[in-house]
């Protein structure tokens, strides 16, 4: 799949037209349609604007086809993040218990 095909997929996902996408990103009329139609490439300035104006778009996916189209759409990453949060919560619970014991011991003196 080409950059143009991936860009079209992202535009379709947003339920807008290529013309709407051009307006949203302040691109000249026809730029995006041409890239999609000709499976063309973009210059770095256009890619930077797309990345800045579409923070949910995974630019690595757009450029290389790697990963998921949307950032944060990777289920394994979500599961890893959830597990890390559970570990952090358990750590802080234990820390609070330890500190509470220290406070109680100090108060009893």
Protein backbone atom coordinates (compact mmCIF):
# COMPACT_ATOMS: atom_id res chain seq x y z
CA UNK A 1 0.00 0.00 0.00
CA UNK A 2 1.33 3.41 -0.95
CA UNK A 3 1.43 6.63 1.04
CA UNK A 4 -1.41 7.91 -1.14
CA UNK A 5 -3.54 4.85 -0.36
CA UNK A 6 -2.88 5.18 3.36
CA UNK A 7 -3.68 8.89 3.25
CA UNK A 8 -6.97 8.12 1.51
CA UNK A 9 -7.76 5.53 4.18
CA UNK A 10 -7.15 8.12 6.91
CA UNK A 11 -9.28 10.73 5.12
CA UNK A 12 -12.07 8.19 4.64
CA UNK A 13 -11.83 7.25 8.32
CA UNK A 14 -12.46 10.91 9.20
CA UNK A 15 -15.48 10.91 6.87
CA UNK A 16 -14.30 13.98 5.01
CA UNK A 17 -13.28 14.61 1.42
CA UNK A 18 -9.79 15.20 0.10
CA UNK A 19 -10.83 18.81 -0.47
CA UNK A 20 -11.89 19.12 3.19
CA UNK A 21 -8.55 17.64 4.23
CA UNK A 22 -6.73 20.17 2.04
CA UNK A 23 -8.65 23.01 3.67
CA UNK A 24 -8.05 21.63 7.16
CA UNK A 25 -4.31 21.58 6.51
CA UNK A 26 -4.12 24.78 4.39
CA UNK A 27 -2.90 22.89 1.31
CA UNK A 28 -3.42 24.06 -2.25
CA UNK A 29 -6.48 22.78 -4.10
CA UNK A 30 -5.89 19.40 -5.67
CA UNK A 31 -2.68 18.51 -3.79
CA UNK A 32 -4.16 15.66 -1.78
CA UNK A 33 -6.33 14.40 -4.64
CA UNK A 34 -3.26 14.26 -6.87
CA UNK A 35 -1.22 12.39 -4.26
CA UNK A 36 -4.03 9.87 -3.81
CA UNK A 37 -4.69 9.48 -7.53
CA UNK A 38 -1.03 9.18 -8.55
CA UNK A 39 0.14 7.34 -5.40
CA UNK A 40 2.62 10.17 -5.09
CA UNK A 41 4.83 11.29 -2.27
CA UNK A 42 4.78 14.47 -0.22
CA UNK A 43 7.49 16.82 0.83
CA UNK A 44 8.53 17.02 4.46
CA UNK A 45 6.72 20.33 5.00
CA UNK A 46 3.37 18.81 4.05
CA UNK A 47 4.04 15.76 6.21
CA UNK A 48 4.90 17.99 9.16
CA UNK A 49 1.65 19.93 8.77
CA UNK A 50 -0.36 16.69 8.59
CA UNK A 51 1.35 15.40 11.73
CA UNK A 52 0.72 18.64 13.63
CA UNK A 53 -2.93 18.93 12.57
CA UNK A 54 -3.76 15.26 13.07
CA UNK A 55 -2.21 14.22 16.38
CA UNK A 56 -4.08 10.90 16.42
CA UNK A 57 -2.49 9.84 13.11
CA UNK A 58 0.47 7.47 13.40
CA UNK A 59 2.96 9.09 11.03
CA UNK A 60 5.05 5.92 10.93
CA UNK A 61 1.99 4.14 9.56
CA UNK A 62 1.37 6.90 7.01
CA UNK A 63 4.96 6.90 5.77
CA UNK A 64 5.88 3.21 5.98
CA UNK A 65 2.71 1.27 6.66
CA UNK A 66 4.10 0.14 10.04
CA UNK A 67 1.81 -0.22 13.04
CA UNK A 68 -1.76 0.97 13.36
CA UNK A 69 -3.28 3.97 11.59
CA UNK A 70 -4.18 5.69 14.86
CA UNK A 71 -1.91 6.28 17.80
CA UNK A 72 -2.97 4.50 20.96
CA UNK A 73 -4.85 1.93 18.92
CA UNK A 74 -2.43 -0.88 19.76
CA UNK A 75 -4.17 -3.28 22.14
CA UNK A 76 -0.96 -4.90 23.37
CA UNK A 77 0.39 -1.48 24.32
CA UNK A 78 -2.84 -0.76 26.18
CA UNK A 79 -2.54 -4.02 28.08
CA UNK A 80 1.10 -3.29 28.94
CA UNK A 81 0.20 0.20 30.11
CA UNK A 82 -2.63 -1.20 32.25
CA UNK A 83 -0.31 -3.75 33.81
CA UNK A 84 2.26 -1.04 34.56
CA UNK A 85 -0.43 1.10 36.20
CA UNK A 86 -1.56 -1.84 38.36
CA UNK A 87 2.05 -2.39 39.45
CA UNK A 88 2.47 1.31 40.24
CA UNK A 89 -0.75 1.36 42.27
CA UNK A 90 0.37 -1.66 44.28
CA UNK A 91 3.76 -0.05 44.88
CA UNK A 92 2.19 3.17 46.15
CA UNK A 93 -0.29 1.28 48.35
CA UNK A 94 2.66 -0.45 50.01
CA UNK A 95 4.49 2.85 50.32
CA UNK A 96 1.49 4.43 52.07
CA UNK A 97 1.26 1.48 54.48
CA UNK A 98 4.95 1.79 55.30
CA UNK A 99 4.71 5.53 55.83
CA UNK A 100 1.59 5.11 57.97
CA UNK A 101 3.46 2.63 60.19
CA UNK A 102 6.31 5.12 60.55
CA UNK A 103 3.88 7.92 61.45
CA UNK A 104 2.10 5.67 63.97
CA UNK A 105 5.43 4.66 65.53
CA UNK A 106 6.54 8.28 65.76
CA UNK A 107 3.19 9.34 67.26
CA UNK A 108 3.37 6.67 69.96
CA UNK A 109 6.72 7.98 71.26
